[in-house]
Amino acid sequence: MHKAKMLSAALIAAVMAAPVMAEEKSEFRVAWSIYAGWMPWGYLESSGIMDKWADKYEIDVEIVQINDYIESINQYTAGAFDGVSATNMDTLSIPAGGGVDTTALIVGDYSNGNDAIIVKGDGDLGSLAGKPVNLVELSVSHYLLARALDQIGMSEADLGGVINTSDADLVAAFQTDDVEAVVTWNPLVSTILEDPNAKKLYDSADIPGEIIDIMFVNTQTLADNPAFGKALTGAWYEVMGLMAAGDEAALTEMAEAAGTDLAGYKAQLDATAMFYDPAEAVAFVESDALKTTMVSVAEFLFDKGILGEGAPSADYVGVAYPDGSTTGDAGNVQFRYDPTYMQMAADGAL
């Protein structure tokens, strides 16, 4: 789950952001990166299911794997892709914060245990007071930590510091004497918890529905090319049907692409609240809880100085919801939750 975002990436993306001109077209490109809930995108490409749905709507859709998660968002923001798999937090700060109007086309899942705070030895969240915590700074790990501390009346200032550590180095770092606590995501969480001295204090299941994994598309591109939305959504939910039915061939291919085996991938899915049924995704997007989450995410990003360059307040970016309401600045809506195409899938209308 490469959900790391450094401040420099956000600033670079803001500079790179360029408006995508309205146009009808027949060829589209979508970017994705490795994470349990996004493995279906790779399978869509390799299995031919994406081609089948694209052919139905007489278009071409290329699904491209990008190894660097943040780079995939930066390239989408710059206009190199029409869509990208990303979290709600990173999309709010990079493309939306950079002025690229973006729509949540398919809400695929939310992290339900994949992200965790882990400490050495016994303790609880309160025992983090005075301790250094290693994590990928300004990532969803940082957000998880902030939410956890807030729930017990603590803040980052009560810690012994937050130490920015690459996800590639976190497992090794936990083995050293200097590191007392880490926050990270799967599969790193599972690996670290193999240490008998490791204890999980808190995970994303404690804030269900807040770390959301979504296929985002350019709003104008979608408006001009509804066939693009229909093809992507139809293909996605065909694969969701296979996964919900436990199709071992499909799941095994996804597992291998993720660098694990079938059992390992299923374990990651167990900590991922997948919306296999499009009607459930629609209900999630239409819930009032989502608005509360987005306000919380905006406040975190603003507090860290990464809610768009020069953002004057946490309300800088407007977020629009299906009922017509907005959070943030209604005059600067750059992030939209639109369940139209998921509802089509639920109605069998694709």
Protein backbone atom coordinates (compact mmCIF):
# COMPACT_ATOMS: atom_id res chain seq x y z
CA MET A 1 0.00 0.00 0.00
CA HIS A 2 2.36 2.69 -1.20
CA LYS A 3 0.40 5.60 0.21
CA ALA A 4 3.37 7.82 1.04
CA LYS A 5 3.40 11.45 0.07
CA MET A 6 6.22 13.84 0.75
CA LEU A 7 5.69 17.61 0.87
CA SER A 8 7.95 18.09 -2.15
CA ALA A 9 5.75 15.79 -4.20
CA ALA A 10 2.68 17.84 -3.37
CA LEU A 11 4.44 21.06 -4.36
CA ILE A 12 5.85 19.58 -7.55
CA ALA A 13 2.40 18.29 -8.47
CA ALA A 14 0.87 21.71 -7.89
CA VAL A 15 3.42 23.25 -10.23
CA MET A 16 3.00 20.47 -12.78
CA ALA A 17 -0.79 20.68 -12.75
CA ALA A 18 -2.16 21.74 -16.08
CA PRO A 19 -5.78 22.02 -17.14
CA VAL A 20 -7.03 19.14 -19.30
CA MET A 21 -9.01 20.54 -22.21
CA ALA A 22 -12.53 19.28 -22.77
CA GLU A 23 -12.71 16.83 -25.65
CA GLU A 24 -14.41 13.73 -26.89
CA LYS A 25 -11.90 10.97 -27.52
CA SER A 26 -11.63 7.22 -27.93
CA GLU A 27 -8.35 6.36 -26.21
CA PHE A 28 -7.79 6.57 -22.46
CA ARG A 29 -5.02 5.76 -20.01
CA VAL A 30 -5.42 4.85 -16.35
CA ALA A 31 -2.60 4.41 -13.81
CA TRP A 32 -2.49 2.14 -10.78
CA SER A 33 0.05 0.90 -8.22
CA ILE A 34 0.47 -2.16 -6.01
CA TYR A 35 -1.94 -2.46 -3.06
CA ALA A 36 -4.36 -5.23 -2.04
CA GLY A 37 -7.44 -3.31 -3.10
CA TRP A 38 -5.95 -2.21 -6.42
CA MET A 39 -4.65 -5.55 -7.69
CA PRO A 40 -7.85 -6.01 -9.73
CA TRP A 41 -6.66 -3.23 -12.07
CA GLY A 42 -3.70 -5.32 -13.14
CA TYR A 43 -5.92 -8.36 -13.56
CA LEU A 44 -8.37 -6.34 -15.66
CA GLU A 45 -5.56 -5.62 -18.10
CA SER A 46 -3.95 -9.08 -18.19
CA SER A 47 -7.22 -11.04 -18.35
CA GLY A 48 -8.68 -9.10 -21.26
CA ILE A 49 -11.74 -8.06 -19.24
CA MET A 50 -10.90 -4.37 -19.68
CA ASP A 51 -10.54 -4.84 -23.44
CA LYS A 52 -13.91 -6.61 -23.58
CA TRP A 53 -15.71 -3.72 -21.88
CA ALA A 54 -13.80 -1.09 -23.85
CA ASP A 55 -14.77 -2.82 -27.08
CA LYS A 56 -18.42 -2.79 -25.97
CA TYR A 57 -18.28 1.01 -25.82
CA GLU A 58 -16.04 1.33 -28.90
CA ILE A 59 -13.12 2.87 -27.03
CA ASP A 60 -9.63 1.81 -25.96
CA VAL A 61 -8.55 1.84 -22.31
CA GLU A 62 -4.93 1.17 -21.35
CA ILE A 63 -4.29 0.30 -17.71
CA VAL A 64 -0.70 1.09 -16.73
CA GLN A 65 1.09 -0.05 -13.57
CA ILE A 66 3.34 2.62 -12.04
CA ASN A 67 5.75 1.32 -9.40
CA ASP A 68 5.93 4.64 -7.54
CA TYR A 69 2.50 5.46 -6.11
CA ILE A 70 3.07 9.20 -5.74
CA GLU A 71 4.58 9.41 -9.20
CA SER A 72 1.37 7.91 -10.61
CA ILE A 73 -0.66 10.69 -8.96
CA ASN A 74 1.78 13.35 -10.15
CA GLN A 75 1.50 12.05 -13.73
CA TYR A 76 -2.30 12.02 -13.53
CA THR A 77 -2.22 15.57 -12.16
CA ALA A 78 -0.01 16.65 -15.07
CA GLY A 79 -2.50 15.19 -17.55
CA ALA A 80 -0.56 12.09 -18.63
CA PHE A 81 -3.40 9.84 -17.44
CA ASP A 82 -7.17 10.14 -17.45
CA GLY A 83 -7.51 8.27 -14.16
CA VAL A 84 -5.47 7.00 -11.22
CA SER A 85 -5.92 4.73 -8.22
CA ALA A 86 -5.32 6.78 -5.07
CA THR A 87 -6.52 7.45 -1.55
CA ASN A 88 -8.97 10.18 -0.67
CA MET A 89 -6.24 11.99 1.28
CA ASP A 90 -3.61 12.06 -1.44
CA THR A 91 -6.13 13.08 -4.08
CA LEU A 92 -7.40 15.96 -1.97
CA SER A 93 -3.87 17.30 -1.52
CA ILE A 94 -2.22 16.65 -4.90
CA PRO A 95 -4.57 16.90 -7.92
CA ALA A 96 -7.51 18.60 -6.20
CA GLY A 97 -5.20 20.84 -4.16
CA GLY A 98 -3.30 21.56 -7.38
CA GLY A 99 -6.44 22.70 -9.20
CA VAL A 100 -7.27 19.57 -11.22
CA ASP A 101 -11.00 18.88 -10.92
CA THR A 102 -11.23 15.17 -10.07
CA THR A 103 -14.11 12.73 -9.62
CA ALA A 104 -14.25 9.60 -7.47
CA LEU A 105 -15.62 7.20 -10.09
CA ILE A 106 -15.26 3.87 -8.27
CA VAL A 107 -14.93 3.69 -4.49
CA GLY A 108 -13.26 0.32 -4.21
CA ASP A 109 -12.55 -0.18 -0.52
CA TYR A 110 -11.36 1.30 2.72
CA SER A 111 -8.49 0.13 4.88
CA ASN A 112 -9.88 -1.96 7.72
CA GLY A 113 -6.73 -3.08 9.51
CA ASN A 114 -4.10 -2.77 6.76
CA ASP A 115 -2.53 0.27 8.47
CA ALA A 116 -1.30 -0.03 12.06
CA ILE A 117 0.64 1.49 14.95
CA ILE A 118 3.09 -1.04 16.41
CA VAL A 119 5.23 -0.75 19.53
CA LYS A 120 7.90 -2.91 21.14
CA GLY A 121 6.83 -4.66 24.33
CA ASP A 122 3.72 -3.94 26.35
CA GLY A 123 1.89 -0.65 26.38
CA ASP A 124 -1.05 1.31 25.06
CA LEU A 125 -1.42 4.48 23.03
CA GLY A 126 -0.67 6.56 26.11
CA SER A 127 2.70 4.85 26.42
CA LEU A 128 3.79 6.55 23.19
CA ALA A 129 4.31 9.75 25.21
CA GLY A 130 7.95 10.73 24.95
CA LYS A 131 8.76 7.98 22.46
CA PRO A 132 10.03 8.57 18.94
CA VAL A 133 7.76 7.12 16.26
CA ASN A 134 9.09 6.03 12.87
CA LEU A 135 6.82 6.35 9.83
CA VAL A 136 6.57 7.70 6.31
CA GLU A 137 5.97 11.36 7.05
CA LEU A 138 2.86 13.02 5.56
CA SER A 139 1.43 9.64 4.52
CA VAL A 140 -1.75 7.92 5.65
CA SER A 141 0.40 6.41 8.43
CA HIS A 142 0.91 9.94 9.73
CA TYR A 143 -2.85 10.53 9.51
CA LEU A 144 -3.59 7.29 11.39
CA LEU A 145 -1.22 8.33 14.17
CA ALA A 146 -2.80 11.77 14.42
CA ARG A 147 -6.29 10.27 14.66
CA ALA A 148 -5.20 7.78 17.31
CA LEU A 149 -3.54 10.41 19.47
CA ASP A 150 -6.50 12.74 19.15
CA GLN A 151 -8.83 10.05 20.46
CA ILE A 152 -6.90 9.86 23.75
CA GLY A 153 -6.33 13.59 24.12
CA MET A 154 -2.70 13.56 22.98
CA SER A 155 -0.97 15.17 20.01
CA GLU A 156 2.25 14.77 18.07
CA ALA A 157 3.86 17.27 20.44
CA ASP A 158 3.55 14.69 23.24
CA LEU A 159 5.75 12.21 21.36
CA GLY A 160 9.52 12.02 21.35
CA GLY A 161 9.39 13.12 17.73
CA VAL A 162 8.23 11.71 14.41
CA ILE A 163 11.09 10.23 12.41
CA ASN A 164 10.60 10.12 8.66
CA THR A 165 11.52 6.63 7.50
CA SER A 166 11.14 5.10 4.04
CA ASP A 167 8.69 2.23 3.81
CA ALA A 168 11.55 0.21 2.33
CA ASP A 169 13.49 0.64 5.59
CA LEU A 170 10.79 0.27 8.25
CA VAL A 171 11.03 -3.50 8.80
CA ALA A 172 14.80 -3.34 9.30
CA ALA A 173 14.45 -0.22 11.45
CA PHE A 174 12.11 -2.01 13.85
CA GLN A 175 14.85 -4.57 14.51
CA THR A 176 17.23 -1.89 15.80
CA ASP A 177 17.46 -0.82 19.44
CA ASP A 178 16.78 2.84 18.64
CA VAL A 179 13.31 2.28 17.17
CA GLU A 180 10.54 1.92 19.74
CA ALA A 181 7.39 2.38 17.66
CA VAL A 182 6.41 2.40 13.99
CA VAL A 183 3.34 3.16 11.91
CA THR A 184 3.02 1.47 8.52
CA TRP A 185 0.83 -0.58 6.17
CA ASN A 186 0.57 -4.11 4.87
CA PRO A 187 2.42 -6.21 3.94
CA LEU A 188 4.95 -4.50 6.24
CA VAL A 189 2.55 -4.70 9.20
CA SER A 190 2.31 -8.49 8.91
CA THR A 191 6.08 -8.83 8.64
CA ILE A 192 6.79 -6.64 11.68
CA LEU A 193 4.18 -8.43 13.78
CA GLU A 194 6.08 -11.70 13.26
CA ASP A 195 8.50 -10.32 15.87
CA PRO A 196 7.35 -11.73 19.23
CA ASN A 197 8.23 -8.44 20.87
CA ALA A 198 5.94 -6.45 18.55
CA LYS A 199 2.51 -5.33 19.74
CA LYS A 200 -0.17 -3.68 17.64
CA LEU A 201 -1.70 -0.74 19.50
CA TYR A 202 -4.14 0.62 16.94
CA ASP A 203 -5.09 0.07 13.32
CA SER A 204 -7.29 1.45 10.58
CA ALA A 205 -10.18 -0.75 11.72
CA ASP A 206 -10.40 1.74 14.62
CA ILE A 207 -11.23 4.51 12.12
CA PRO A 208 -13.32 2.56 9.58
CA GLY A 209 -14.10 4.33 6.36
CA GLU A 210 -11.46 7.04 6.67
CA ILE A 211 -8.58 5.71 4.55
CA ILE A 212 -10.43 5.20 1.27
CA ASP A 213 -9.04 3.62 -1.91
CA ILE A 214 -10.60 4.96 -5.09
CA MET A 215 -10.29 5.08 -8.87
CA PHE A 216 -10.31 8.79 -9.66
CA VAL A 217 -10.83 10.28 -13.11
CA ASN A 218 -10.57 13.74 -14.57
CA THR A 219 -13.99 15.35 -14.14
CA GLN A 220 -14.10 17.05 -17.54
CA THR A 221 -12.87 13.93 -19.34
CA LEU A 222 -15.63 11.91 -17.70
CA ALA A 223 -18.28 14.49 -18.55
CA ASP A 224 -17.22 14.53 -22.20
CA ASN A 225 -16.81 10.75 -22.44
CA PRO A 226 -19.40 8.82 -20.44
CA ALA A 227 -18.40 5.65 -22.30
CA PHE A 228 -15.08 5.83 -20.47
CA GLY A 229 -16.85 5.77 -17.10
CA LYS A 230 -19.16 2.97 -18.17
CA ALA A 231 -16.37 0.75 -19.50
CA LEU A 232 -14.15 1.19 -16.45
CA THR A 233 -16.99 0.61 -14.01
CA GLY A 234 -18.43 -2.36 -15.85
CA ALA A 235 -15.05 -4.07 -16.07
CA TRP A 236 -14.28 -3.39 -12.40
CA TYR A 237 -17.48 -4.93 -11.10
CA GLU A 238 -17.10 -7.98 -13.32
CA VAL A 239 -13.85 -8.66 -11.46
CA MET A 240 -15.50 -7.83 -8.12
CA GLY A 241 -17.98 -10.61 -8.92
CA LEU A 242 -15.13 -13.06 -9.50
CA MET A 243 -13.46 -12.08 -6.23
CA ALA A 244 -16.67 -12.26 -4.24
CA ALA A 245 -17.23 -15.76 -5.60
CA GLY A 246 -13.71 -16.77 -4.52
CA ASP A 247 -12.36 -17.36 -8.03
CA GLU A 248 -8.99 -18.90 -7.15
CA ALA A 249 -7.44 -18.43 -10.58
CA ALA A 250 -8.12 -14.69 -10.52
CA LEU A 251 -7.12 -14.29 -6.88
CA THR A 252 -3.90 -16.28 -7.38
CA GLU A 253 -2.88 -14.13 -10.33
CA MET A 254 -3.48 -11.00 -8.24
CA ALA A 255 -1.54 -12.49 -5.32
CA GLU A 256 1.47 -13.28 -7.49
CA ALA A 257 1.42 -9.81 -9.00
CA ALA A 258 1.43 -8.43 -5.44
CA GLY A 259 4.47 -10.53 -4.54
CA THR A 260 2.70 -12.97 -2.25
CA ASP A 261 0.76 -16.24 -2.40
CA LEU A 262 -2.98 -16.89 -2.32
CA ALA A 263 -3.07 -17.22 1.47
CA GLY A 264 -1.05 -14.03 1.89
CA TYR A 265 -3.27 -12.07 -0.46
CA LYS A 266 -6.42 -13.32 1.24
CA ALA A 267 -4.98 -12.17 4.57
CA GLN A 268 -4.47 -8.69 3.11
CA LEU A 269 -8.02 -8.69 1.75
CA ASP A 270 -9.29 -9.63 5.22
CA ALA A 271 -7.94 -6.26 6.41
CA THR A 272 -9.50 -4.47 3.45
CA ALA A 273 -13.20 -3.62 3.38
CA MET A 274 -13.83 -4.28 -0.31
CA PHE A 275 -17.06 -3.03 -1.84
CA TYR A 276 -17.73 -6.07 -4.01
CA ASP A 277 -21.36 -4.97 -4.35
CA PRO A 278 -21.71 -1.59 -6.11
CA ALA A 279 -24.84 -0.81 -4.09
CA GLU A 280 -22.72 -0.88 -0.92
CA ALA A 281 -20.24 1.56 -2.46
CA VAL A 282 -23.10 3.88 -3.40
CA ALA A 283 -24.47 3.77 0.15
CA PHE A 284 -21.01 4.55 1.53
CA VAL A 285 -20.61 7.57 -0.75
CA GLU A 286 -24.07 8.85 0.18
CA SER A 287 -23.47 8.58 3.94
CA ASP A 288 -23.06 11.64 6.16
CA ALA A 289 -20.03 9.94 7.74
CA LEU A 290 -18.06 10.53 4.55
CA LYS A 291 -18.43 14.29 4.93
CA THR A 292 -17.08 14.13 8.48
CA THR A 293 -14.12 12.08 7.23
CA MET A 294 -13.27 14.53 4.46
CA VAL A 295 -13.33 17.46 6.88
CA SER A 296 -10.98 15.55 9.19
CA VAL A 297 -8.64 14.75 6.29
CA ALA A 298 -8.64 18.38 5.12
CA GLU A 299 -7.80 19.59 8.61
CA PHE A 300 -4.89 17.13 8.85
CA LEU A 301 -3.52 18.19 5.45
CA PHE A 302 -3.82 21.87 6.27
CA ASP A 303 -2.16 21.36 9.65
CA LYS A 304 0.78 19.72 7.87
CA GLY A 305 0.93 22.44 5.22
CA ILE A 306 0.11 20.19 2.27
CA LEU A 307 -3.49 21.06 1.34
CA GLY A 308 -2.50 22.72 -1.93
CA GLU A 309 0.22 25.34 -2.19
CA GLY A 310 -0.67 28.47 -0.26
CA ALA A 311 -3.94 27.11 1.10
CA PRO A 312 -5.31 29.76 3.50
CA SER A 313 -7.42 27.36 5.54
CA ALA A 314 -8.61 23.77 5.83
CA ASP A 315 -11.61 24.81 3.71
CA TYR A 316 -9.42 25.67 0.71
CA VAL A 317 -10.61 22.82 -1.54
CA GLY A 318 -14.31 22.18 -2.05
CA VAL A 319 -15.56 18.59 -1.96
CA ALA A 320 -18.94 17.86 -3.57
CA TYR A 321 -21.28 15.03 -2.54
CA PRO A 322 -24.19 13.24 -4.24
CA ASP A 323 -26.83 15.22 -2.35
CA GLY A 324 -25.51 18.49 -3.77
CA SER A 325 -23.81 19.58 -0.55
CA THR A 326 -20.16 20.52 -0.20
CA THR A 327 -17.51 20.67 2.47
CA GLY A 328 -14.70 23.16 2.10
CA ASP A 329 -14.98 26.05 -0.35
CA ALA A 330 -18.09 25.68 -2.53
CA GLY A 331 -16.46 28.16 -4.91
CA ASN A 332 -13.42 25.95 -5.42
CA VAL A 333 -14.83 22.44 -5.85
CA GLN A 334 -12.04 20.24 -7.19
CA PHE A 335 -13.00 16.87 -5.65
CA ARG A 336 -16.34 15.16 -6.40
CA TYR A 337 -17.99 11.98 -5.14
CA ASP A 338 -20.27 10.90 -7.99
CA PRO A 339 -21.98 7.48 -7.61
CA THR A 340 -23.69 7.67 -11.03
CA TYR A 341 -21.69 4.89 -12.65
CA MET A 342 -21.59 2.67 -9.56
CA GLN A 343 -25.39 3.01 -9.42
CA MET A 344 -25.56 1.94 -13.07
CA ALA A 345 -23.58 -1.17 -12.13
CA ALA A 346 -25.91 -1.85 -9.20
CA ASP A 347 -28.91 -1.49 -11.55
CA GLY A 348 -27.38 -3.77 -14.19
CA ALA A 349 -27.49 -0.86 -16.62
CA LEU A 350 -23.96 -1.02 -17.99
